[in-house]
Amino acid sequence: MSAPLNVVGGNFTLTTALISSGVQVECPFGIPDYVELLSLGKASDYTDGWGEASDAQAIQWWWEKTLPQNYAKGILQASEGSTPQLPGMSSYVISSSGIAAYNTANPPTYTGLATSAITGSTAAYVCTMGDTGSIQVGDYVRIYGTTAELQIAGYPFQVTAVSSGASITLGYMATGGVSLAADATSGTVVKYIPNRMYPRVRWIANVTQAANAVVYFTEKHDFTIGEIVSFRVPSSEYDMTELDNVEARVISVTNSSTESSITVDLDTSGFTAFDFPTSAEAAAGVSPAICVPSSSGVVPVSGTTAPAIPVGNALTDAYDNRNVNLVNFGSGLFGVSGHASENLDRWAYRMYKYSGYDTRILN
C-alpha cells in the first residue's frame, strides 16, 4: 500500500474562453500519480455544484498515470428540483480533451489529422477538417503534405480559432498578410507541445519594407525589447535575401490573440519584398526563413531606445531551460453535452505523488 508523498492543490474559476480552451496548472513535484477535479459551483453562490438543484452538470473528474493521456473518468449529476437535493448520478468517460500530465520537455504525441483545404491564397489560412481532434485555441500544430501549397509544409503554427469538427484558423500566419498562389487541396495537421527552452527560434510569416521593419511570426514569440536577433533567409525563393545573417535590435514586441511580431531597428525599405516560394520551388527543396536569438542586448529606458542606467541585460540567460511539469484540464471536461460548465463555475483540484505507486498487496 502506498502513502501520499506529495500533495498539492488549488482552485480556478472558469471563463468563457477557458471553457473552450481548457486550463493548465503546474505540478511542482513532477508528474503526479493521481489527479482529481471537484466542482465547487459558482464563485458567487457556494450552494451550487455538487447537490445543486435543477442543474445538470459534471461534478467530479479523476485521472491516474496508468490511464492514457487526455483521458478522464467522472461523475455527471442530473437536474433535480427536489429538496433536499438528491440528483441522479451517472459515470462518464472521456477519451480526448480530458486530463493530461507531462513535462513540456517530453510531452505526449498526437495523431495526424487530415485537412482537405487550406485557404492560403486569401491569407485567411483556415484548415478545413472533418475531425479537429483535441486541438484547442492556443495549441501548436505542424502542417505536412500540403498538396499545391508545399511552401508551408513542415511549418509550425499556433491556432487562433477552432470550429469543432470543421476547421482551425492559423491567425498569426494570416496577420502576416502573405497570400500564396494557391490553396492546399489536402494535407495532415499534427498537434504538438513545444519545449520551453528560452529564447526560441521563430519561423517568419512576413517582413515589412520599412525604416523600422516589422517581422511577423507564425506563433507567439518570447523575444524581448533590447534583445539582438539575427535572421536566416538562405533561400532566394523568399526574395528578401538581403536579410540573411543580418542582426538587429528589438525595439517593440506584439503578442496578441491574432498577431505575433517584433519591430526592429533595421531599415528594410530598400530590400526586396519578402515572399514565400511557390509550391513547386518548395518541392525542389528550400530552407525556411527564421529569426533566431543572437545576444542579450541592453534594457532600454521605457518608451525610448536609450539604455537604462544602470545598464542591465535584456535576457536573464540566453539559453534558459524553462520546461515545467503541467497538468492540463481539457475542454472536454467542461463541455459534456447536457452537462456543460458555465462562466464563473469554480473547480478545485488535487494532485498526488505516492511513495510507492505499484500493485503490491501485503497479506
Protein backbone atom coordinates (compact mmCIF):
# COMPACT_ATOMS: atom_id res chain seq x y z
CA MET A 1 0.00 0.00 0.00
CA SER A 2 1.27 3.47 -0.86
CA ALA A 3 1.06 6.65 1.17
CA PRO A 4 0.98 10.12 -0.42
CA LEU A 5 4.47 11.55 -0.60
CA ASN A 6 3.41 14.91 -2.04
CA VAL A 7 0.02 16.57 -2.34
CA VAL A 8 -0.68 19.91 -3.99
CA GLY A 9 -3.95 21.58 -4.83
CA GLY A 10 -5.72 24.76 -5.74
CA ASN A 11 -8.78 26.10 -7.50
CA PHE A 12 -9.71 28.11 -10.57
CA THR A 13 -12.74 29.96 -11.88
CA LEU A 14 -13.83 29.27 -15.43
CA THR A 15 -14.33 31.94 -18.06
CA THR A 16 -15.97 31.51 -21.45
CA ALA A 17 -12.51 31.37 -23.01
CA LEU A 18 -11.23 28.75 -20.54
CA ILE A 19 -14.29 26.55 -21.11
CA SER A 20 -13.32 26.28 -24.79
CA SER A 21 -9.53 26.15 -24.33
CA GLY A 22 -9.09 24.20 -21.08
CA VAL A 23 -6.98 25.04 -18.03
CA GLN A 24 -3.31 24.34 -17.34
CA VAL A 25 -1.76 24.20 -13.86
CA GLU A 26 1.82 23.48 -12.84
CA CYS A 27 2.73 20.50 -10.68
CA PRO A 28 5.87 21.40 -8.64
CA PHE A 29 6.90 17.86 -7.66
CA GLY A 30 6.94 16.16 -11.08
CA ILE A 31 4.36 14.08 -12.89
CA PRO A 32 1.55 13.22 -10.43
CA ASP A 33 0.32 9.66 -9.90
CA TYR A 34 -3.28 10.70 -9.33
CA VAL A 35 -5.30 13.83 -10.16
CA GLU A 36 -8.83 14.74 -9.11
CA LEU A 37 -11.04 17.70 -10.01
CA LEU A 38 -14.14 18.68 -7.98
CA SER A 39 -16.92 21.13 -8.83
CA LEU A 40 -17.45 23.91 -6.26
CA GLY A 41 -20.27 25.69 -8.06
CA LYS A 42 -20.35 29.36 -8.99
CA ALA A 43 -18.00 31.83 -7.34
CA SER A 44 -20.99 33.96 -6.34
CA ASP A 45 -23.08 31.14 -4.85
CA TYR A 46 -21.47 28.30 -2.90
CA THR A 47 -24.75 26.32 -2.84
CA ASP A 48 -24.13 25.49 -6.49
CA GLY A 49 -22.11 22.50 -7.65
CA TRP A 50 -22.38 19.10 -6.02
CA GLY A 51 -26.03 18.51 -4.98
CA GLU A 52 -27.29 21.68 -6.67
CA ALA A 53 -30.96 21.65 -7.64
CA SER A 54 -32.14 21.95 -11.24
CA ASP A 55 -28.72 22.00 -12.90
CA ALA A 56 -27.32 19.04 -14.81
CA GLN A 57 -23.53 19.25 -14.67
CA ALA A 58 -20.27 17.38 -14.29
CA ILE A 59 -19.23 17.35 -10.62
CA GLN A 60 -16.06 15.25 -10.45
CA TRP A 61 -13.23 14.04 -12.70
CA TRP A 62 -10.13 11.96 -11.99
CA TRP A 63 -7.10 10.53 -13.77
CA GLU A 64 -4.25 8.27 -12.70
CA LYS A 65 -1.00 7.62 -14.50
CA THR A 66 -1.86 4.18 -15.89
CA LEU A 67 -4.62 5.82 -17.94
CA PRO A 68 -3.90 7.31 -21.40
CA GLN A 69 -3.13 10.99 -21.72
CA ASN A 70 -6.20 13.22 -22.25
CA TYR A 71 -8.41 10.53 -20.70
CA ALA A 72 -10.61 11.07 -17.65
CA LYS A 73 -13.29 9.31 -15.61
CA GLY A 74 -16.03 11.31 -13.97
CA ILE A 75 -19.45 11.67 -12.42
CA LEU A 76 -22.32 13.56 -14.02
CA GLN A 77 -25.16 14.97 -11.94
CA ALA A 78 -28.69 15.05 -13.34
CA SER A 79 -31.03 18.02 -12.94
CA GLU A 80 -33.18 17.54 -9.83
CA GLY A 81 -35.50 20.10 -8.23
CA SER A 82 -36.39 18.30 -5.01
CA THR A 83 -35.38 19.48 -1.53
CA PRO A 84 -33.09 18.24 -0.17
CA GLN A 85 -31.36 17.82 -3.47
CA LEU A 86 -30.83 14.17 -4.36
CA PRO A 87 -29.92 14.33 -8.05
CA GLY A 88 -29.25 11.19 -10.01
CA MET A 89 -25.61 10.38 -10.68
CA SER A 90 -24.02 8.62 -13.64
CA SER A 91 -20.46 7.65 -14.54
CA TYR A 92 -18.81 9.09 -17.64
CA VAL A 93 -15.54 8.53 -19.52
CA ILE A 94 -13.68 11.00 -21.75
CA SER A 95 -11.02 9.65 -24.11
CA SER A 96 -9.87 13.01 -25.54
CA SER A 97 -9.56 16.57 -24.17
CA GLY A 98 -9.65 15.13 -20.65
CA ILE A 99 -6.72 15.23 -18.21
CA ALA A 100 -3.07 15.04 -19.28
CA ALA A 101 0.07 15.22 -17.11
CA TYR A 102 3.50 15.73 -18.68
CA ASN A 103 6.75 17.64 -18.70
CA THR A 104 6.98 20.12 -21.58
CA ALA A 105 10.43 18.71 -22.45
CA ASN A 106 8.86 15.27 -23.02
CA PRO A 107 5.23 15.89 -23.98
CA PRO A 108 2.67 13.42 -25.32
CA THR A 109 2.40 12.98 -29.09
CA TYR A 110 -0.73 13.31 -31.18
CA THR A 111 -2.06 11.52 -34.25
CA GLY A 112 -2.11 13.48 -37.50
CA LEU A 113 -5.50 14.72 -38.72
CA ALA A 114 -6.48 15.22 -42.34
CA THR A 115 -7.19 18.62 -43.87
CA SER A 116 -8.99 18.86 -47.20
CA ALA A 117 -8.12 22.50 -47.86
CA ILE A 118 -6.02 25.39 -46.52
CA THR A 119 -7.05 28.80 -47.82
CA GLY A 120 -3.56 30.27 -48.08
CA SER A 121 -4.30 32.06 -51.36
CA THR A 122 -6.53 34.55 -49.48
CA ALA A 123 -4.24 34.99 -46.46
CA ALA A 124 -7.08 33.61 -44.33
CA TYR A 125 -5.21 30.40 -43.51
CA VAL A 126 -8.18 28.27 -42.46
CA CYS A 127 -7.67 24.49 -42.46
CA THR A 128 -10.85 22.63 -43.35
CA MET A 129 -11.00 19.44 -41.30
CA GLY A 130 -13.62 16.76 -40.75
CA ASP A 131 -12.04 15.97 -37.37
CA THR A 132 -10.26 18.61 -35.27
CA GLY A 133 -9.44 16.09 -32.52
CA SER A 134 -8.24 17.70 -29.28
CA ILE A 135 -6.96 20.88 -30.97
CA GLN A 136 -7.90 23.98 -29.00
CA VAL A 137 -7.29 27.72 -29.31
CA GLY A 138 -3.65 28.43 -28.44
CA ASP A 139 -2.42 24.95 -29.42
CA TYR A 140 0.56 24.43 -31.73
CA VAL A 141 0.34 22.41 -34.94
CA ARG A 142 2.61 21.46 -37.82
CA ILE A 143 1.32 21.04 -41.35
CA TYR A 144 2.61 18.28 -43.64
CA GLY A 145 1.99 17.12 -47.22
CA THR A 146 0.09 20.25 -48.22
CA THR A 147 -0.65 19.44 -51.86
CA ALA A 148 -0.41 22.56 -54.09
CA GLU A 149 0.83 24.55 -51.05
CA LEU A 150 4.08 22.80 -50.15
CA GLN A 151 5.74 26.10 -49.19
CA ILE A 152 4.11 25.83 -45.73
CA ALA A 153 4.75 22.09 -45.30
CA GLY A 154 6.70 21.49 -42.10
CA TYR A 155 5.91 24.95 -40.72
CA PRO A 156 4.82 25.36 -37.08
CA PHE A 157 1.67 27.39 -36.46
CA GLN A 158 -0.38 28.46 -33.46
CA VAL A 159 -4.15 28.05 -33.61
CA THR A 160 -6.29 31.16 -33.04
CA ALA A 161 -9.79 29.75 -33.65
CA VAL A 162 -11.42 26.32 -33.73
CA SER A 163 -14.73 25.22 -35.18
CA SER A 164 -15.01 21.75 -33.69
CA GLY A 165 -15.15 19.05 -36.34
CA ALA A 166 -14.95 21.62 -39.13
CA SER A 167 -11.84 23.84 -39.20
CA ILE A 168 -8.97 25.54 -37.41
CA THR A 169 -7.58 29.02 -38.10
CA LEU A 170 -3.87 29.86 -38.27
CA GLY A 171 -4.40 33.50 -37.37
CA TYR A 172 -0.79 34.51 -36.75
CA MET A 173 0.15 33.44 -40.26
CA ALA A 174 -2.88 35.30 -41.59
CA THR A 175 -1.88 38.53 -39.81
CA GLY A 176 1.46 38.37 -41.63
CA GLY A 177 -0.51 39.21 -44.76
CA VAL A 178 1.25 36.98 -47.30
CA SER A 179 -1.08 35.35 -49.81
CA LEU A 180 0.13 32.19 -51.54
CA ALA A 181 -0.53 31.31 -55.17
CA ALA A 182 -3.00 28.51 -54.49
CA ASP A 183 -4.89 26.77 -51.71
CA ALA A 184 -3.84 23.38 -50.42
CA THR A 185 -6.15 20.58 -51.53
CA SER A 186 -5.02 18.06 -48.91
CA GLY A 187 -2.57 17.66 -46.06
CA THR A 188 -2.03 16.49 -42.49
CA VAL A 189 -2.28 18.58 -39.32
CA VAL A 190 -0.29 17.35 -36.31
CA LYS A 191 -0.78 18.91 -32.89
CA TYR A 192 2.37 19.18 -30.78
CA ILE A 193 3.52 20.68 -27.49
CA PRO A 194 6.72 22.76 -27.85
CA ASN A 195 9.51 22.65 -25.30
CA ARG A 196 10.26 25.78 -23.30
CA MET A 197 13.92 26.44 -23.89
CA TYR A 198 14.32 30.22 -23.90
CA PRO A 199 14.59 32.20 -26.06
CA ARG A 200 13.35 30.20 -29.03
CA VAL A 201 13.68 30.29 -32.80
CA ARG A 202 10.62 31.59 -34.63
CA TRP A 203 9.60 30.96 -38.25
CA ILE A 204 8.89 34.10 -40.25
CA ALA A 205 5.45 34.78 -41.74
CA ASN A 206 6.40 38.15 -43.30
CA VAL A 207 8.79 41.12 -43.06
CA THR A 208 7.72 44.64 -43.97
CA GLN A 209 9.74 47.08 -46.07
CA ALA A 210 10.09 50.00 -43.64
CA ALA A 211 12.55 52.24 -41.83
CA ASN A 212 11.91 50.02 -38.80
CA ALA A 213 10.97 46.61 -40.15
CA VAL A 214 8.12 44.63 -38.59
CA VAL A 215 8.76 40.89 -38.55
CA TYR A 216 5.69 38.64 -38.27
CA PHE A 217 5.76 35.07 -36.93
CA THR A 218 3.52 32.02 -37.27
CA GLU A 219 3.14 31.63 -33.48
CA LYS A 220 3.66 33.68 -30.32
CA HIS A 221 7.29 34.56 -29.60
CA ASP A 222 9.36 35.28 -26.50
CA PHE A 223 11.79 37.88 -27.85
CA THR A 224 12.26 40.89 -25.56
CA ILE A 225 12.81 44.62 -26.09
CA GLY A 226 16.52 45.36 -26.32
CA GLU A 227 17.44 41.82 -27.41
CA ILE A 228 19.60 41.33 -30.51
CA VAL A 229 18.12 38.92 -33.04
CA SER A 230 19.51 37.54 -36.28
CA PHE A 231 17.80 36.34 -39.41
CA ARG A 232 18.31 33.35 -41.68
CA VAL A 233 16.91 33.74 -45.19
CA PRO A 234 19.23 31.39 -47.09
CA SER A 235 16.86 30.53 -49.91
CA SER A 236 16.45 33.06 -52.71
CA GLU A 237 12.85 31.90 -53.12
CA TYR A 238 11.92 34.09 -50.11
CA ASP A 239 13.19 37.10 -52.11
CA MET A 240 14.40 39.26 -49.17
CA THR A 241 17.84 37.63 -49.13
CA GLU A 242 19.36 40.97 -48.02
CA LEU A 243 18.10 39.97 -44.57
CA ASP A 244 20.17 36.79 -44.38
CA ASN A 245 22.61 36.75 -41.41
CA VAL A 246 21.75 40.37 -40.52
CA GLU A 247 21.49 41.32 -36.83
CA ALA A 248 19.02 43.86 -35.44
CA ARG A 249 17.80 45.09 -32.07
CA VAL A 250 14.20 44.57 -30.97
CA ILE A 251 12.51 47.91 -30.20
CA SER A 252 8.92 46.70 -29.66
CA VAL A 253 7.03 43.42 -29.35
CA THR A 254 3.46 42.26 -30.01
CA ASN A 255 1.85 39.04 -28.78
CA SER A 256 -1.92 39.48 -29.13
CA SER A 257 -4.60 36.88 -29.77
CA THR A 258 -4.05 37.24 -33.54
CA GLU A 259 -0.65 38.91 -34.04
CA SER A 260 2.88 37.84 -33.16
CA SER A 261 5.55 40.30 -34.28
CA ILE A 262 8.62 42.34 -33.38
CA THR A 263 9.74 45.73 -34.65
CA VAL A 264 13.50 46.05 -35.15
CA ASP A 265 15.92 48.92 -35.66
CA LEU A 266 16.63 47.81 -39.23
CA ASP A 267 15.76 49.77 -42.36
CA THR A 268 14.42 47.33 -44.96
CA SER A 269 12.79 49.92 -47.19
CA GLY A 270 15.37 49.24 -49.92
CA PHE A 271 15.21 45.44 -49.59
CA THR A 272 13.42 43.13 -51.98
CA ALA A 273 9.86 42.43 -50.80
CA PHE A 274 9.56 39.29 -48.68
CA ASP A 275 7.50 36.50 -50.21
CA PHE A 276 7.11 32.75 -49.89
CA PRO A 277 8.40 30.34 -52.54
CA THR A 278 5.96 28.65 -54.87
CA SER A 279 4.78 25.14 -54.14
CA ALA A 280 6.99 23.83 -56.98
CA GLU A 281 10.05 25.62 -55.58
CA ALA A 282 9.35 24.18 -52.13
CA ALA A 283 9.04 20.70 -53.64
CA ALA A 284 12.57 21.09 -55.01
CA GLY A 285 13.83 21.90 -51.50
CA VAL A 286 14.19 25.21 -49.63
CA SER A 287 15.37 26.24 -46.17
CA PRO A 288 12.77 28.18 -44.14
CA ALA A 289 13.12 31.84 -43.21
CA ILE A 290 13.64 32.10 -39.45
CA CYS A 291 14.53 34.57 -36.70
CA VAL A 292 16.99 33.39 -34.04
CA PRO A 293 18.22 34.85 -30.73
CA SER A 294 21.67 36.36 -31.17
CA SER A 295 22.65 38.21 -27.97
CA SER A 296 21.06 39.80 -24.96
CA GLY A 297 21.49 43.49 -25.74
CA VAL A 298 20.65 46.01 -23.01
CA VAL A 299 17.39 47.03 -21.35
CA PRO A 300 16.25 50.40 -22.75
CA VAL A 301 14.54 53.21 -20.85
CA SER A 302 10.78 52.70 -21.19
CA GLY A 303 9.47 54.37 -24.35
CA THR A 304 12.95 55.13 -25.71
CA THR A 305 15.88 53.35 -27.35
CA ALA A 306 18.41 54.71 -24.82
CA PRO A 307 19.94 52.20 -22.38
CA ALA A 308 18.70 52.28 -18.81
CA ILE A 309 21.07 53.35 -16.02
CA PRO A 310 22.44 51.20 -14.54
CA VAL A 311 22.80 49.11 -17.66
CA GLY A 312 21.07 45.72 -17.48
CA ASN A 313 20.87 42.76 -19.82
CA ALA A 314 17.61 42.18 -21.68
CA LEU A 315 17.81 38.44 -21.01
CA THR A 316 18.49 36.68 -17.75
CA ASP A 317 20.07 33.82 -19.66
CA ALA A 318 20.41 33.35 -23.40
CA TYR A 319 19.69 29.64 -23.11
CA ASP A 320 17.42 29.10 -20.12
CA ASN A 321 15.56 25.80 -19.62
CA ARG A 322 12.02 26.81 -18.63
CA ASN A 323 10.37 23.43 -19.09
CA VAL A 324 7.79 22.62 -16.42
CA ASN A 325 5.54 19.80 -15.24
CA LEU A 326 1.98 20.54 -16.30
CA VAL A 327 -1.46 19.08 -15.72
CA ASN A 328 -3.91 20.05 -18.44
CA PHE A 329 -7.64 20.00 -17.75
CA GLY A 330 -9.00 19.82 -21.29
CA SER A 331 -12.13 21.44 -22.67
CA GLY A 332 -13.87 18.06 -22.83
CA LEU A 333 -14.27 18.15 -19.04
CA PHE A 334 -16.31 21.33 -19.23
CA GLY A 335 -18.33 20.66 -22.38
CA VAL A 336 -20.16 17.35 -21.87
CA SER A 337 -23.42 17.57 -23.82
CA GLY A 338 -26.29 18.37 -21.47
CA HIS A 339 -23.86 18.81 -18.55
CA ALA A 340 -21.68 21.70 -19.71
CA SER A 341 -19.94 24.06 -17.32
CA GLU A 342 -20.82 27.74 -17.21
CA ASN A 343 -18.95 31.01 -16.92
CA LEU A 344 -17.82 31.65 -13.29
CA ASP A 345 -18.05 27.97 -12.28
CA ARG A 346 -15.32 27.14 -9.75
CA TRP A 347 -13.31 23.91 -9.61
CA ALA A 348 -10.85 22.59 -7.03
CA TYR A 349 -8.03 20.24 -7.97
CA ARG A 350 -5.67 17.97 -6.03
CA MET A 351 -2.59 16.19 -7.36
CA TYR A 352 -0.86 13.33 -5.54
CA LYS A 353 2.59 11.72 -5.73
CA TYR A 354 2.81 8.43 -3.85
CA SER A 355 5.79 6.93 -2.05
CA GLY A 356 5.38 3.65 -3.93
CA TYR A 357 2.92 3.56 -6.81
CA ASP A 358 2.57 -0.13 -7.65
CA THR A 359 0.28 -3.12 -7.31
CA ARG A 360 1.87 -4.85 -4.31
CA ILE A 361 -0.57 -6.36 -1.82
CA LEU A 362 0.54 -7.27 1.69
CA ASN A 363 -1.16 -10.41 3.06
